[in-house]
Amino acid sequence: MVPKPLRQVIVLVIGLTLIVIGGLLIVLPGPFTLPFVFAGLVVLAAEFVWAERILIRAKHHAKKVDPRKFLKKKKPPHEDS
C-alpha cells in the first residue's frame, strides 16, 4: 500500500500531465483533445474531491452540447432577382 501523500502526488502528476497534453493538442495539430482532458479529470477525481466536482460539472455541460448543431452546413444566402 502506498502512503496517502505519495499516492496523491502520483495521481496529481498523472492527472495534470493528461490535462496539459489535452491543452497542448488544442493549439498543436492533432486529434483527441477532450478525451485527454476528461481522462485527466477522472484520474484526479479518484483522489481529490475538488476534481470530482469539476468532473461532475463538465459532464453536466457536455450533456447539453448537441453535436448535430456543429455538423449543420450553413445555407448560402438566398438571392432574389
N, C-alpha and C. Protein backbone atom coordinates (compact mmCIF):
# COMPACT_ATOMS: atom_id res chain seq x y z
N MET A 1 0.84 -1.18 0.00
CA MET A 1 0.00 0.00 0.00
C MET A 1 0.89 1.24 0.00
N VAL A 2 0.55 2.16 -0.87
CA VAL A 2 1.32 3.40 -0.99
C VAL A 2 0.76 4.41 0.01
N PRO A 3 1.63 5.11 0.73
CA PRO A 3 1.13 6.13 1.67
C PRO A 3 0.30 7.19 0.93
N LYS A 4 -0.70 7.73 1.63
CA LYS A 4 -1.64 8.66 1.00
C LYS A 4 -0.97 9.89 0.40
N PRO A 5 -0.03 10.55 1.08
CA PRO A 5 0.59 11.74 0.45
C PRO A 5 1.32 11.40 -0.85
N LEU A 6 2.00 10.27 -0.88
CA LEU A 6 2.71 9.85 -2.09
C LEU A 6 1.72 9.50 -3.20
N ARG A 7 0.65 8.83 -2.83
CA ARG A 7 -0.39 8.48 -3.81
C ARG A 7 -1.02 9.74 -4.40
N GLN A 8 -1.26 10.75 -3.57
CA GLN A 8 -1.83 11.99 -4.06
C GLN A 8 -0.89 12.70 -5.03
N VAL A 9 0.40 12.68 -4.75
CA VAL A 9 1.37 13.31 -5.65
C VAL A 9 1.41 12.58 -6.99
N ILE A 10 1.39 11.24 -6.94
CA ILE A 10 1.41 10.45 -8.18
C ILE A 10 0.17 10.74 -9.01
N VAL A 11 -1.00 10.73 -8.37
CA VAL A 11 -2.25 11.00 -9.07
C VAL A 11 -2.26 12.42 -9.63
N LEU A 12 -1.76 13.37 -8.85
CA LEU A 12 -1.71 14.76 -9.30
C LEU A 12 -0.83 14.91 -10.54
N VAL A 13 0.33 14.28 -10.53
CA VAL A 13 1.25 14.37 -11.68
C VAL A 13 0.65 13.73 -12.92
N ILE A 14 0.07 12.55 -12.79
CA ILE A 14 -0.52 11.86 -13.94
C ILE A 14 -1.72 12.64 -14.46
N GLY A 15 -2.60 13.08 -13.57
CA GLY A 15 -3.79 13.80 -13.99
C GLY A 15 -3.47 15.12 -14.66
N LEU A 16 -2.57 15.89 -14.06
CA LEU A 16 -2.20 17.17 -14.65
C LEU A 16 -1.46 16.99 -15.98
N THR A 17 -0.68 15.92 -16.10
CA THR A 17 0.00 15.64 -17.36
C THR A 17 -1.01 15.40 -18.47
N LEU A 18 -2.04 14.62 -18.18
CA LEU A 18 -3.07 14.37 -19.19
C LEU A 18 -3.81 15.65 -19.57
N ILE A 19 -4.10 16.49 -18.59
CA ILE A 19 -4.80 17.75 -18.87
C ILE A 19 -3.91 18.69 -19.70
N VAL A 20 -2.62 18.73 -19.38
CA VAL A 20 -1.70 19.58 -20.15
C VAL A 20 -1.57 19.07 -21.58
N ILE A 21 -1.50 17.76 -21.77
CA ILE A 21 -1.45 17.20 -23.13
C ILE A 21 -2.71 17.59 -23.89
N GLY A 22 -3.87 17.47 -23.26
CA GLY A 22 -5.12 17.88 -23.89
C GLY A 22 -5.12 19.36 -24.24
N GLY A 23 -4.58 20.18 -23.36
CA GLY A 23 -4.50 21.62 -23.64
C GLY A 23 -3.54 21.92 -24.78
N LEU A 24 -2.43 21.21 -24.84
CA LEU A 24 -1.48 21.42 -25.93
C LEU A 24 -2.06 20.99 -27.27
N LEU A 25 -2.88 19.96 -27.27
CA LEU A 25 -3.46 19.49 -28.52
C LEU A 25 -4.50 20.47 -29.08
N ILE A 26 -4.92 21.43 -28.26
CA ILE A 26 -5.82 22.46 -28.78
C ILE A 26 -5.08 23.33 -29.79
N VAL A 27 -3.84 23.69 -29.47
CA VAL A 27 -3.08 24.57 -30.36
C VAL A 27 -2.19 23.81 -31.34
N LEU A 28 -1.78 22.61 -31.00
CA LEU A 28 -0.95 21.81 -31.90
C LEU A 28 -1.84 20.96 -32.80
N PRO A 29 -1.36 20.63 -33.98
CA PRO A 29 -2.17 19.79 -34.85
C PRO A 29 -2.26 18.37 -34.27
N GLY A 30 -3.46 17.90 -34.19
CA GLY A 30 -3.66 16.56 -33.66
C GLY A 30 -5.08 16.39 -33.18
N PRO A 31 -5.56 15.17 -33.21
CA PRO A 31 -6.92 14.90 -32.76
C PRO A 31 -6.98 14.61 -31.26
N PHE A 32 -8.18 14.35 -30.81
CA PHE A 32 -8.41 13.83 -29.45
C PHE A 32 -8.01 14.78 -28.34
N THR A 33 -8.49 16.02 -28.40
CA THR A 33 -8.18 16.98 -27.36
C THR A 33 -8.96 16.69 -26.08
N LEU A 34 -10.27 16.63 -26.18
CA LEU A 34 -11.11 16.50 -24.98
C LEU A 34 -10.94 15.16 -24.25
N PRO A 35 -10.72 14.05 -24.93
CA PRO A 35 -10.54 12.81 -24.15
C PRO A 35 -9.37 12.88 -23.17
N PHE A 36 -8.29 13.57 -23.52
CA PHE A 36 -7.17 13.70 -22.59
C PHE A 36 -7.57 14.54 -21.38
N VAL A 37 -8.31 15.61 -21.62
CA VAL A 37 -8.74 16.47 -20.51
C VAL A 37 -9.68 15.70 -19.58
N PHE A 38 -10.65 14.99 -20.15
CA PHE A 38 -11.57 14.20 -19.32
C PHE A 38 -10.84 13.07 -18.60
N ALA A 39 -9.89 12.43 -19.26
CA ALA A 39 -9.12 11.36 -18.61
C ALA A 39 -8.34 11.92 -17.43
N GLY A 40 -7.76 13.10 -17.61
CA GLY A 40 -7.04 13.73 -16.50
C GLY A 40 -7.95 14.04 -15.33
N LEU A 41 -9.16 14.53 -15.64
CA LEU A 41 -10.12 14.81 -14.57
C LEU A 41 -10.56 13.53 -13.86
N VAL A 42 -10.73 12.46 -14.61
CA VAL A 42 -11.12 11.18 -13.99
C VAL A 42 -10.02 10.69 -13.05
N VAL A 43 -8.78 10.79 -13.50
CA VAL A 43 -7.66 10.37 -12.65
C VAL A 43 -7.61 11.22 -11.39
N LEU A 44 -7.74 12.53 -11.55
CA LEU A 44 -7.69 13.42 -10.38
C LEU A 44 -8.89 13.20 -9.46
N ALA A 45 -10.05 12.93 -10.03
CA ALA A 45 -11.26 12.72 -9.23
C ALA A 45 -11.17 11.46 -8.37
N ALA A 46 -10.31 10.55 -8.75
CA ALA A 46 -10.14 9.34 -7.95
C ALA A 46 -9.55 9.65 -6.58
N GLU A 47 -8.85 10.78 -6.48
CA GLU A 47 -8.17 11.10 -5.23
C GLU A 47 -8.60 12.43 -4.60
N PHE A 48 -9.09 13.36 -5.42
CA PHE A 48 -9.39 14.71 -4.92
C PHE A 48 -10.86 15.04 -5.12
N VAL A 49 -11.49 15.59 -4.08
CA VAL A 49 -12.91 15.95 -4.12
C VAL A 49 -13.14 17.12 -5.07
N TRP A 50 -12.24 18.10 -5.08
CA TRP A 50 -12.40 19.26 -5.96
C TRP A 50 -12.41 18.85 -7.43
N ALA A 51 -11.60 17.86 -7.78
CA ALA A 51 -11.57 17.39 -9.17
C ALA A 51 -12.86 16.64 -9.50
N GLU A 52 -13.42 15.95 -8.53
CA GLU A 52 -14.68 15.25 -8.75
C GLU A 52 -15.81 16.25 -9.03
N ARG A 53 -15.80 17.37 -8.29
CA ARG A 53 -16.82 18.40 -8.55
C ARG A 53 -16.67 18.99 -9.95
N ILE A 54 -15.44 19.24 -10.37
CA ILE A 54 -15.21 19.77 -11.72
C ILE A 54 -15.65 18.75 -12.77
N LEU A 55 -15.37 17.48 -12.54
CA LEU A 55 -15.77 16.43 -13.48
C LEU A 55 -17.28 16.34 -13.58
N ILE A 56 -17.98 16.45 -12.47
CA ILE A 56 -19.45 16.41 -12.49
C ILE A 56 -19.99 17.59 -13.29
N ARG A 57 -19.42 18.78 -13.08
CA ARG A 57 -19.86 19.97 -13.84
C ARG A 57 -19.56 19.80 -15.33
N ALA A 58 -18.40 19.24 -15.65
CA ALA A 58 -18.03 19.05 -17.06
C ALA A 58 -18.98 18.06 -17.73
N LYS A 59 -19.32 16.99 -17.02
CA LYS A 59 -20.28 16.02 -17.59
C LYS A 59 -21.64 16.67 -17.80
N HIS A 60 -22.05 17.49 -16.85
CA HIS A 60 -23.34 18.17 -16.96
C HIS A 60 -23.37 19.07 -18.19
N HIS A 61 -22.31 19.84 -18.40
CA HIS A 61 -22.25 20.74 -19.55
C HIS A 61 -22.09 19.97 -20.86
N ALA A 62 -21.39 18.85 -20.81
CA ALA A 62 -21.21 18.04 -22.02
C ALA A 62 -22.53 17.45 -22.50
N LYS A 63 -23.43 17.15 -21.58
CA LYS A 63 -24.73 16.60 -21.96
C LYS A 63 -25.58 17.63 -22.69
N LYS A 64 -25.34 18.92 -22.42
CA LYS A 64 -26.11 19.98 -23.06
C LYS A 64 -25.68 20.22 -24.50
N VAL A 65 -24.48 19.81 -24.86
CA VAL A 65 -23.96 20.08 -26.20
C VAL A 65 -24.62 19.13 -27.19
N ASP A 66 -25.15 19.70 -28.25
CA ASP A 66 -25.75 18.90 -29.32
C ASP A 66 -24.77 18.86 -30.49
N PRO A 67 -24.13 17.72 -30.73
CA PRO A 67 -23.12 17.67 -31.79
C PRO A 67 -23.71 17.93 -33.18
N ARG A 68 -25.00 17.70 -33.33
CA ARG A 68 -25.62 17.95 -34.64
C ARG A 68 -25.59 19.43 -34.99
N LYS A 69 -25.57 20.27 -33.97
CA LYS A 69 -25.54 21.71 -34.20
C LYS A 69 -24.24 22.12 -34.91
N PHE A 70 -23.15 21.43 -34.61
CA PHE A 70 -21.87 21.76 -35.19
C PHE A 70 -21.70 21.16 -36.58
N LEU A 71 -22.48 20.16 -36.91
CA LEU A 71 -22.34 19.48 -38.19
C LEU A 71 -23.22 20.07 -39.28
N LYS A 72 -24.13 20.96 -38.92
CA LYS A 72 -25.01 21.55 -39.92
C LYS A 72 -24.22 22.45 -40.85
N LYS A 73 -24.54 22.35 -42.13
CA LYS A 73 -23.92 23.23 -43.10
C LYS A 73 -24.74 24.50 -43.18
N LYS A 74 -24.04 25.62 -43.27
CA LYS A 74 -24.75 26.89 -43.39
C LYS A 74 -25.24 27.03 -44.83
N LYS A 75 -26.48 27.45 -44.94
CA LYS A 75 -27.06 27.65 -46.25
C LYS A 75 -26.57 28.97 -46.81
N PRO A 76 -26.26 29.00 -48.11
CA PRO A 76 -25.87 30.29 -48.69
C PRO A 76 -27.08 31.21 -48.71
N PRO A 77 -26.85 32.52 -48.63
CA PRO A 77 -27.98 33.45 -48.64
C PRO A 77 -28.74 33.36 -49.96
N HIS A 78 -30.04 33.41 -49.82
CA HIS A 78 -30.91 33.31 -51.00
C HIS A 78 -30.97 34.67 -51.69
N GLU A 79 -30.70 34.65 -52.98
CA GLU A 79 -30.71 35.91 -53.73
C GLU A 79 -32.03 36.03 -54.48
N ASP A 80 -32.71 37.14 -54.28
CA ASP A 80 -33.94 37.42 -55.01
C ASP A 80 -33.60 38.31 -56.20
N SER A 81 -34.14 37.97 -57.37
CA SER A 81 -33.87 38.77 -58.57
C SER A 81 -34.96 39.78 -58.79
